[in-house]
Amino acid sequence: MSRLYSWYSNLSSETVATFLRFRKVLTAGQGLAEYALILALIAIVAIIALIFLGGQVSKILRNVGHSV
């Protein structure tokens, strides 16, 4: 518990305020379902992008690694 408190106490007040606003938005009932759908859509798009662009990204990262 003290480790969690230590982590929490190191956060800035602005970060905590942002988190609390975000939590309030997510707990607004119907809004939660909408945010879940948006998150699922973003995840699906990211997975599809990785499937189609994964080879190219890997090649670019490999070239960067060899040049460093």
C-alpha atoms as a PDB file:
ATOM      1  CA  MET A   1       0.000   0.000   0.000  1.00  0.00           C
ATOM      2  CA  SER A   2       2.828   2.396   0.773  1.00  0.00           C
ATOM      3  CA  ARG A   3       4.305   1.812  -2.688  1.00  0.00           C
ATOM      4  CA  LEU A   4       0.974   2.800  -4.255  1.00  0.00           C
ATOM      5  CA  TYR A   5       0.764   5.900  -2.054  1.00  0.00           C
ATOM      6  CA  SER A   6       4.347   6.782  -2.967  1.00  0.00           C
ATOM      7  CA  TRP A   7       3.532   6.528  -6.663  1.00  0.00           C
ATOM      8  CA  TYR A   8       0.327   8.539  -6.249  1.00  0.00           C
ATOM      9  CA  SER A   9       2.007  11.253  -4.212  1.00  0.00           C
ATOM     10  CA  ASN A  10       4.597  11.790  -6.963  1.00  0.00           C
ATOM     11  CA  LEU A  11       1.894  12.737  -9.486  1.00  0.00           C
ATOM     12  CA  SER A  12       1.356  16.394 -10.193  1.00  0.00           C
ATOM     13  CA  SER A  13      -1.938  17.939  -9.181  1.00  0.00           C
ATOM     14  CA  GLU A  14      -2.680  18.626 -12.845  1.00  0.00           C
ATOM     15  CA  THR A  15      -2.267  14.924 -13.685  1.00  0.00           C
ATOM     16  CA  VAL A  16      -4.552  13.914 -10.837  1.00  0.00           C
ATOM     17  CA  ALA A  17      -7.162  16.485 -11.895  1.00  0.00           C
ATOM     18  CA  THR A  18      -7.043  15.212 -15.490  1.00  0.00           C
ATOM     19  CA  PHE A  19      -7.458  11.633 -14.302  1.00  0.00           C
ATOM     20  CA  LEU A  20     -10.427  12.578 -12.126  1.00  0.00           C
ATOM     21  CA  ARG A  21     -12.118  14.422 -15.024  1.00  0.00           C
ATOM     22  CA  PHE A  22     -11.526  11.434 -17.302  1.00  0.00           C
ATOM     23  CA  ARG A  23     -12.944   9.065 -14.674  1.00  0.00           C
ATOM     24  CA  LYS A  24     -16.016  11.275 -14.296  1.00  0.00           C
ATOM     25  CA  VAL A  25     -16.594  11.183 -18.055  1.00  0.00           C
ATOM     26  CA  LEU A  26     -16.216   7.408 -18.177  1.00  0.00           C
ATOM     27  CA  THR A  27     -18.665   6.854 -15.353  1.00  0.00           C
ATOM     28  CA  ALA A  28     -21.406   8.862 -17.013  1.00  0.00           C
ATOM     29  CA  GLY A  29     -23.495   5.762 -17.817  1.00  0.00           C
ATOM     30  CA  GLN A  30     -24.255   5.640 -21.516  1.00  0.00           C
ATOM     31  CA  GLY A  31     -21.000   7.455 -22.278  1.00  0.00           C
ATOM     32  CA  LEU A  32     -19.063   4.468 -20.998  1.00  0.00           C
ATOM     33  CA  ALA A  33     -20.477   2.236 -23.730  1.00  0.00           C
ATOM     34  CA  GLU A  34     -19.632   4.824 -26.366  1.00  0.00           C
ATOM     35  CA  TYR A  35     -16.055   5.164 -25.142  1.00  0.00           C
ATOM     36  CA  ALA A  36     -15.719   1.375 -25.117  1.00  0.00           C
ATOM     37  CA  LEU A  37     -16.894   1.226 -28.732  1.00  0.00           C
ATOM     38  CA  ILE A  38     -14.464   3.957 -29.762  1.00  0.00           C
ATOM     39  CA  LEU A  39     -11.622   2.174 -27.967  1.00  0.00           C
ATOM     40  CA  ALA A  40     -12.537  -1.109 -29.675  1.00  0.00           C
ATOM     41  CA  LEU A  41     -12.606   0.614 -33.069  1.00  0.00           C
ATOM     42  CA  ILE A  42      -9.184   2.172 -32.466  1.00  0.00           C
ATOM     43  CA  ALA A  43      -7.802  -1.219 -31.424  1.00  0.00           C
ATOM     44  CA  ILE A  44      -9.201  -2.891 -34.546  1.00  0.00           C
ATOM     45  CA  VAL A  45      -7.748  -0.190 -36.814  1.00  0.00           C
ATOM     46  CA  ALA A  46      -4.359  -0.482 -35.082  1.00  0.00           C
ATOM     47  CA  ILE A  47      -4.334  -4.270 -35.487  1.00  0.00           C
ATOM     48  CA  ILE A  48      -5.271  -4.047 -39.164  1.00  0.00           C
ATOM     49  CA  ALA A  49      -2.600  -1.397 -39.740  1.00  0.00           C
ATOM     50  CA  LEU A  50       0.021  -3.596 -38.072  1.00  0.00           C
ATOM     51  CA  ILE A  51      -1.018  -6.586 -40.169  1.00  0.00           C
ATOM     52  CA  PHE A  52      -0.674  -4.671 -43.435  1.00  0.00           C
ATOM     53  CA  LEU A  53       2.266  -2.411 -42.522  1.00  0.00           C
ATOM     54  CA  GLY A  54       4.134  -4.684 -40.098  1.00  0.00           C
ATOM     55  CA  GLY A  55       6.671  -5.852 -42.675  1.00  0.00           C
ATOM     56  CA  GLN A  56       7.456  -2.328 -43.825  1.00  0.00           C
ATOM     57  CA  VAL A  57       7.773  -1.022 -40.275  1.00  0.00           C
ATOM     58  CA  SER A  58      10.044  -3.924 -39.380  1.00  0.00           C
ATOM     59  CA  LYS A  59      12.237  -3.198 -42.421  1.00  0.00           C
ATOM     60  CA  ILE A  60      12.500   0.501 -41.513  1.00  0.00           C
ATOM     61  CA  LEU A  61      13.385  -0.277 -37.897  1.00  0.00           C
ATOM     62  CA  ARG A  62      15.952  -2.839 -39.030  1.00  0.00           C
ATOM     63  CA  ASN A  63      17.586  -0.238 -41.318  1.00  0.00           C
ATOM     64  CA  VAL A  64      17.642   2.302 -38.486  1.00  0.00           C
ATOM     65  CA  GLY A  65      19.186  -0.288 -36.170  1.00  0.00           C
ATOM     66  CA  HIS A  66      21.909  -1.161 -38.674  1.00  0.00           C
ATOM     67  CA  SER A  67      22.754   2.479 -39.314  1.00  0.00           C
ATOM     68  CA  VAL A  68      23.148   3.200 -35.604  1.00  0.00           C
END
